[in-house]
Amino acid sequence: MNILVAYDGTKEAREAARVAAKHARAFGGRIILAFSMVGGPEIPRQEFEHAEKELQSQAITLREEGFECETLLSVRGLETGEDIVKIAEEKGAEEIIIGVQRKSKVGKLLFGSTAQYIILNAACPVVTVR
């Protein structure tokens, strides 16, 4: 089972990785940490380095716990939601796990635009974690 985690280094993303580890343990899965950067090649080098550091740090933690883990830093210039859905399709993900932030009452109805896009367009189940 391939489990894709939309990862950006936030506490919500770290919680999503923790849930992915539980699912990977239960179902014999493999974890794919994907960090999608909007903007494409014009993103400053420091932001690339920060994203790479976040991915590697989380991957090391998961590997030390015995999980097979792949990292992917995507800079295709797509919006994050669209990119995550494409990555899930390309990697054959059977589940996507995303972290969502707590929002106001109205915000709770809509999630964020990224989460909403992934939930509505993914070809596999999407688990949201807060």
Protein backbone atom coordinates (compact mmCIF):
# COMPACT_ATOMS: atom_id res chain seq x y z
CA MET A 1 0.00 0.00 0.00
CA ASN A 2 1.40 3.40 -1.01
CA ILE A 3 0.43 6.17 1.40
CA LEU A 4 1.06 9.72 0.20
CA VAL A 5 1.50 12.45 2.80
CA ALA A 6 1.19 16.07 1.67
CA TYR A 7 4.10 17.38 3.74
CA ASP A 8 5.19 20.96 4.34
CA GLY A 9 6.85 20.81 7.75
CA THR A 10 3.95 22.29 9.73
CA LYS A 11 2.69 20.66 12.91
CA GLU A 12 -0.39 19.51 10.96
CA ALA A 13 1.85 17.86 8.36
CA ARG A 14 3.90 16.18 11.07
CA GLU A 15 0.68 14.84 12.56
CA ALA A 16 -0.35 13.58 9.10
CA ALA A 17 3.00 11.74 8.88
CA ARG A 18 2.35 10.20 12.31
CA VAL A 19 -1.06 8.94 11.13
CA ALA A 20 0.55 7.63 7.94
CA ALA A 21 2.99 5.64 10.09
CA LYS A 22 0.07 4.04 11.94
CA HIS A 23 -1.63 3.16 8.65
CA ALA A 24 1.63 1.86 7.15
CA ARG A 25 2.17 -0.36 10.20
CA ALA A 26 -1.40 -1.69 10.09
CA PHE A 27 -1.49 -2.34 6.33
CA GLY A 28 2.16 -3.03 5.51
CA GLY A 29 2.40 0.23 3.64
CA ARG A 30 5.08 2.43 2.19
CA ILE A 31 5.08 6.18 2.93
CA ILE A 32 5.69 8.85 0.31
CA LEU A 33 6.32 12.35 1.70
CA ALA A 34 5.54 14.94 -0.98
CA PHE A 35 6.38 18.63 -0.58
CA SER A 36 4.79 20.70 -3.36
CA MET A 37 6.17 24.17 -3.97
CA VAL A 38 4.04 26.63 -5.90
CA GLY A 39 5.93 28.91 -8.23
CA GLY A 40 8.25 26.65 -10.11
CA PRO A 41 11.93 27.32 -10.76
CA GLU A 42 11.86 30.98 -9.69
CA ILE A 43 11.60 29.98 -6.02
CA PRO A 44 14.63 31.22 -4.03
CA ARG A 45 17.28 28.57 -3.27
CA GLN A 46 16.80 29.04 0.50
CA GLU A 47 13.20 27.86 0.21
CA PHE A 48 14.33 24.73 -1.70
CA GLU A 49 16.91 24.02 0.97
CA HIS A 50 14.36 24.50 3.75
CA ALA A 51 11.89 22.14 2.03
CA GLU A 52 14.60 19.52 1.46
CA LYS A 53 15.66 19.76 5.11
CA GLU A 54 12.05 19.33 6.33
CA LEU A 55 11.51 16.30 4.08
CA GLN A 56 14.78 14.63 5.05
CA SER A 57 14.22 15.22 8.76
CA GLN A 58 10.79 13.58 8.67
CA ALA A 59 12.04 10.75 6.44
CA ILE A 60 14.87 9.98 8.86
CA THR A 61 12.39 9.80 11.73
CA LEU A 62 10.12 7.42 9.81
CA ARG A 63 13.01 5.22 8.63
CA GLU A 64 14.37 4.98 12.18
CA GLU A 65 10.94 3.67 13.18
CA GLY A 66 11.28 0.98 10.50
CA PHE A 67 9.12 2.40 7.71
CA GLU A 68 9.95 2.40 4.02
CA CYS A 69 9.85 6.07 3.09
CA GLU A 70 10.35 8.02 -0.13
CA THR A 71 10.60 11.81 -0.37
CA LEU A 72 9.56 13.97 -3.27
CA LEU A 73 10.08 17.72 -3.68
CA SER A 74 7.85 18.93 -6.51
CA VAL A 75 8.36 22.30 -8.21
CA ARG A 76 6.24 21.95 -11.33
CA GLY A 77 4.57 25.32 -10.86
CA LEU A 78 1.15 23.77 -10.20
CA GLU A 79 -1.09 24.75 -7.33
CA THR A 80 -0.43 22.48 -4.34
CA GLY A 81 -3.75 20.61 -4.45
CA GLU A 82 -3.45 19.86 -8.15
CA ASP A 83 0.17 18.77 -7.72
CA ILE A 84 -0.61 16.41 -4.82
CA VAL A 85 -3.43 14.76 -6.80
CA LYS A 86 -1.08 14.27 -9.79
CA ILE A 87 1.68 12.87 -7.58
CA ALA A 88 -0.80 10.44 -6.02
CA GLU A 89 -1.78 9.21 -9.47
CA GLU A 90 1.83 8.93 -10.66
CA LYS A 91 2.97 7.06 -7.54
CA GLY A 92 -0.06 4.78 -7.37
CA ALA A 93 -1.10 6.06 -3.96
CA GLU A 94 -3.92 4.13 -2.37
CA GLU A 95 -4.45 6.78 0.30
CA ILE A 96 -3.58 10.46 0.74
CA ILE A 97 -3.16 11.94 4.21
CA ILE A 98 -3.22 15.72 4.63
CA GLY A 99 -3.02 17.98 7.64
CA VAL A 100 -5.63 20.70 7.96
CA GLN A 101 -5.57 23.71 10.24
CA ARG A 102 -8.32 24.52 12.69
CA LYS A 103 -10.56 27.19 11.24
CA SER A 104 -13.52 29.35 12.13
CA LYS A 105 -17.04 27.90 11.91
CA VAL A 106 -17.36 29.00 8.29
CA GLY A 107 -13.85 27.76 7.51
CA LYS A 108 -14.72 24.36 8.92
CA LEU A 109 -17.39 24.01 6.26
CA LEU A 110 -14.99 24.71 3.42
CA PHE A 111 -11.60 23.45 4.66
CA GLY A 112 -8.90 25.28 2.73
CA SER A 113 -8.80 25.49 -1.01
CA THR A 114 -5.89 23.02 -1.18
CA ALA A 115 -7.54 20.43 1.07
CA GLN A 116 -10.85 20.91 -0.69
CA TYR A 117 -9.25 20.37 -4.11
CA ILE A 118 -7.51 17.18 -2.96
CA ILE A 119 -10.65 15.77 -1.32
CA LEU A 120 -12.81 16.45 -4.37
CA ASN A 121 -10.34 15.36 -7.07
CA ALA A 122 -8.27 12.49 -5.68
CA ALA A 123 -8.91 9.05 -7.13
CA CYS A 124 -8.19 7.41 -3.76
CA PRO A 125 -9.42 7.96 -0.18
CA VAL A 126 -8.21 11.14 1.53
CA VAL A 127 -7.69 11.28 5.29
CA THR A 128 -7.60 14.70 6.92
CA VAL A 129 -5.75 15.22 10.18
CA ARG A 130 -5.76 18.27 12.42
